[in-house]
Amino acid sequence: MGGRYCTHRAPTAFDSGAEGLSEINAVGEQFDPELHHAVVREETTEQSDNTIIAEMQKGYKLHDRLLRPSTVRVAAVPSDKKSLNRREDH
């Protein structure tokens, strides 16, 4: 029996259904520094500025308290597109 890998684990507070625990929705949402930790800003024309395009690590809240922010990649308008938008505004 020694050396056999155990695949069963004890339930934890992060298992679904834990009272008051909720995952933070990230992908497709607007970046919120209160809930998300941006590790990459990626230039793209496929998403609007500050939209979360990928989640690297799930974030959690317990009731209204942040336990861990979601680690995310955030869309950024390409530099040349920003300058075009500024010219059109004037």
C-alpha atoms as a PDB file:
ATOM      1  CA  MET A   1       0.000   0.000   0.000  1.00  0.00           C
ATOM      2  CA  GLY A   2       2.893   2.368   0.538  1.00  0.00           C
ATOM      3  CA  GLY A   3       3.590   4.622  -2.436  1.00  0.00           C
ATOM      4  CA  ARG A   4       0.000   4.431  -3.745  1.00  0.00           C
ATOM      5  CA  TYR A   5      -1.301   7.850  -4.832  1.00  0.00           C
ATOM      6  CA  CYS A   6      -4.377   8.999  -2.938  1.00  0.00           C
ATOM      7  CA  THR A   7      -6.942  10.670  -5.216  1.00  0.00           C
ATOM      8  CA  HIS A   8      -9.563  11.384  -2.555  1.00  0.00           C
ATOM      9  CA  ARG A   9      -9.270  14.631  -0.662  1.00  0.00           C
ATOM     10  CA  ALA A  10     -11.147  16.203   2.191  1.00  0.00           C
ATOM     11  CA  PRO A  11     -13.689  18.921   1.296  1.00  0.00           C
ATOM     12  CA  THR A  12     -12.484  22.485   1.827  1.00  0.00           C
ATOM     13  CA  ALA A  13     -14.095  25.898   2.190  1.00  0.00           C
ATOM     14  CA  PHE A  14     -13.414  26.487  -1.527  1.00  0.00           C
ATOM     15  CA  ASP A  15     -15.621  23.602  -2.659  1.00  0.00           C
ATOM     16  CA  SER A  16     -18.820  24.750  -4.351  1.00  0.00           C
ATOM     17  CA  GLY A  17     -21.713  25.178  -2.018  1.00  0.00           C
ATOM     18  CA  ALA A  18     -19.710  26.586   0.881  1.00  0.00           C
ATOM     19  CA  GLU A  19     -21.934  29.029   2.704  1.00  0.00           C
ATOM     20  CA  GLY A  20     -21.298  32.608   1.596  1.00  0.00           C
ATOM     21  CA  LEU A  21     -18.397  31.740  -0.716  1.00  0.00           C
ATOM     22  CA  SER A  22     -18.642  32.979  -4.307  1.00  0.00           C
ATOM     23  CA  GLU A  23     -16.360  33.071  -7.326  1.00  0.00           C
ATOM     24  CA  ILE A  24     -15.646  36.452  -8.874  1.00  0.00           C
ATOM     25  CA  ASN A  25     -16.817  36.691 -12.491  1.00  0.00           C
ATOM     26  CA  ALA A  26     -14.030  38.073 -14.617  1.00  0.00           C
ATOM     27  CA  VAL A  27     -13.880  37.242 -18.350  1.00  0.00           C
ATOM     28  CA  GLY A  28     -15.919  39.726 -20.379  1.00  0.00           C
ATOM     29  CA  GLU A  29     -16.380  42.077 -17.424  1.00  0.00           C
ATOM     30  CA  GLN A  30     -14.891  45.543 -17.056  1.00  0.00           C
ATOM     31  CA  PHE A  31     -11.693  45.617 -14.999  1.00  0.00           C
ATOM     32  CA  ASP A  32     -12.395  46.572 -11.373  1.00  0.00           C
ATOM     33  CA  PRO A  33      -9.281  47.105  -9.227  1.00  0.00           C
ATOM     34  CA  GLU A  34     -11.346  46.223  -6.147  1.00  0.00           C
ATOM     35  CA  LEU A  35     -11.941  42.682  -7.515  1.00  0.00           C
ATOM     36  CA  HIS A  36      -9.248  42.039 -10.129  1.00  0.00           C
ATOM     37  CA  HIS A  37      -5.452  42.053 -10.255  1.00  0.00           C
ATOM     38  CA  ALA A  38      -4.212  42.835 -13.772  1.00  0.00           C
ATOM     39  CA  VAL A  39      -0.906  41.211 -14.666  1.00  0.00           C
ATOM     40  CA  VAL A  40      -1.048  41.932 -18.424  1.00  0.00           C
ATOM     41  CA  ARG A  41      -2.547  44.714 -20.553  1.00  0.00           C
ATOM     42  CA  GLU A  42      -2.834  43.341 -24.069  1.00  0.00           C
ATOM     43  CA  GLU A  43      -3.406  45.561 -27.080  1.00  0.00           C
ATOM     44  CA  THR A  44      -6.410  44.360 -29.077  1.00  0.00           C
ATOM     45  CA  THR A  45      -9.142  45.730 -31.310  1.00  0.00           C
ATOM     46  CA  GLU A  46     -11.442  42.776 -30.586  1.00  0.00           C
ATOM     47  CA  GLN A  47     -12.480  43.982 -27.106  1.00  0.00           C
ATOM     48  CA  SER A  48     -13.195  47.410 -25.680  1.00  0.00           C
ATOM     49  CA  ASP A  49     -10.619  49.091 -23.455  1.00  0.00           C
ATOM     50  CA  ASN A  50     -10.364  47.681 -19.895  1.00  0.00           C
ATOM     51  CA  THR A  51     -12.362  44.532 -20.680  1.00  0.00           C
ATOM     52  CA  ILE A  52     -11.007  41.369 -19.066  1.00  0.00           C
ATOM     53  CA  ILE A  53      -9.970  38.966 -21.821  1.00  0.00           C
ATOM     54  CA  ALA A  54      -8.560  36.087 -19.757  1.00  0.00           C
ATOM     55  CA  GLU A  55      -8.390  34.877 -16.189  1.00  0.00           C
ATOM     56  CA  MET A  56      -5.192  33.277 -14.930  1.00  0.00           C
ATOM     57  CA  GLN A  57      -6.358  32.608 -11.377  1.00  0.00           C
ATOM     58  CA  LYS A  58      -9.903  32.510 -10.024  1.00  0.00           C
ATOM     59  CA  GLY A  59     -10.839  35.086  -7.386  1.00  0.00           C
ATOM     60  CA  TYR A  60     -13.148  34.541  -4.422  1.00  0.00           C
ATOM     61  CA  LYS A  61     -15.345  36.509  -2.040  1.00  0.00           C
ATOM     62  CA  LEU A  62     -16.785  35.384   1.285  1.00  0.00           C
ATOM     63  CA  HIS A  63     -20.062  37.242   1.646  1.00  0.00           C
ATOM     64  CA  ASP A  64     -18.961  40.822   0.796  1.00  0.00           C
ATOM     65  CA  ARG A  65     -15.324  40.353   1.819  1.00  0.00           C
ATOM     66  CA  LEU A  66     -12.648  39.820  -0.841  1.00  0.00           C
ATOM     67  CA  LEU A  67     -10.593  36.708  -0.112  1.00  0.00           C
ATOM     68  CA  ARG A  68      -8.486  36.750  -3.275  1.00  0.00           C
ATOM     69  CA  PRO A  69      -8.734  38.964  -6.367  1.00  0.00           C
ATOM     70  CA  SER A  70      -8.953  37.353  -9.794  1.00  0.00           C
ATOM     71  CA  THR A  71      -5.629  37.520 -11.640  1.00  0.00           C
ATOM     72  CA  VAL A  72      -6.472  38.703 -15.155  1.00  0.00           C
ATOM     73  CA  ARG A  73      -5.339  39.904 -18.596  1.00  0.00           C
ATOM     74  CA  VAL A  74      -6.993  43.174 -19.640  1.00  0.00           C
ATOM     75  CA  ALA A  75      -7.663  44.551 -23.132  1.00  0.00           C
ATOM     76  CA  ALA A  76      -6.019  47.813 -24.107  1.00  0.00           C
ATOM     77  CA  VAL A  77      -6.782  49.909 -27.175  1.00  0.00           C
ATOM     78  CA  PRO A  78      -3.684  49.874 -29.415  1.00  0.00           C
ATOM     79  CA  SER A  79      -1.571  53.035 -29.202  1.00  0.00           C
ATOM     80  CA  ASP A  80      -2.177  54.044 -32.838  1.00  0.00           C
ATOM     81  CA  LYS A  81      -5.949  53.625 -32.367  1.00  0.00           C
ATOM     82  CA  LYS A  82      -5.913  55.896 -29.275  1.00  0.00           C
ATOM     83  CA  SER A  83      -4.229  58.701 -31.224  1.00  0.00           C
ATOM     84  CA  LEU A  84      -6.789  58.312 -34.032  1.00  0.00           C
ATOM     85  CA  ASN A  85      -9.651  58.579 -31.526  1.00  0.00           C
ATOM     86  CA  ARG A  86      -8.146  61.744 -30.031  1.00  0.00           C
ATOM     87  CA  ARG A  87      -7.887  63.363 -33.483  1.00  0.00           C
ATOM     88  CA  GLU A  88     -11.525  62.512 -34.248  1.00  0.00           C
ATOM     89  CA  ASP A  89     -12.686  64.104 -30.959  1.00  0.00           C
ATOM     90  CA  HIS A  90     -11.179  67.506 -31.885  1.00  0.00           C
END
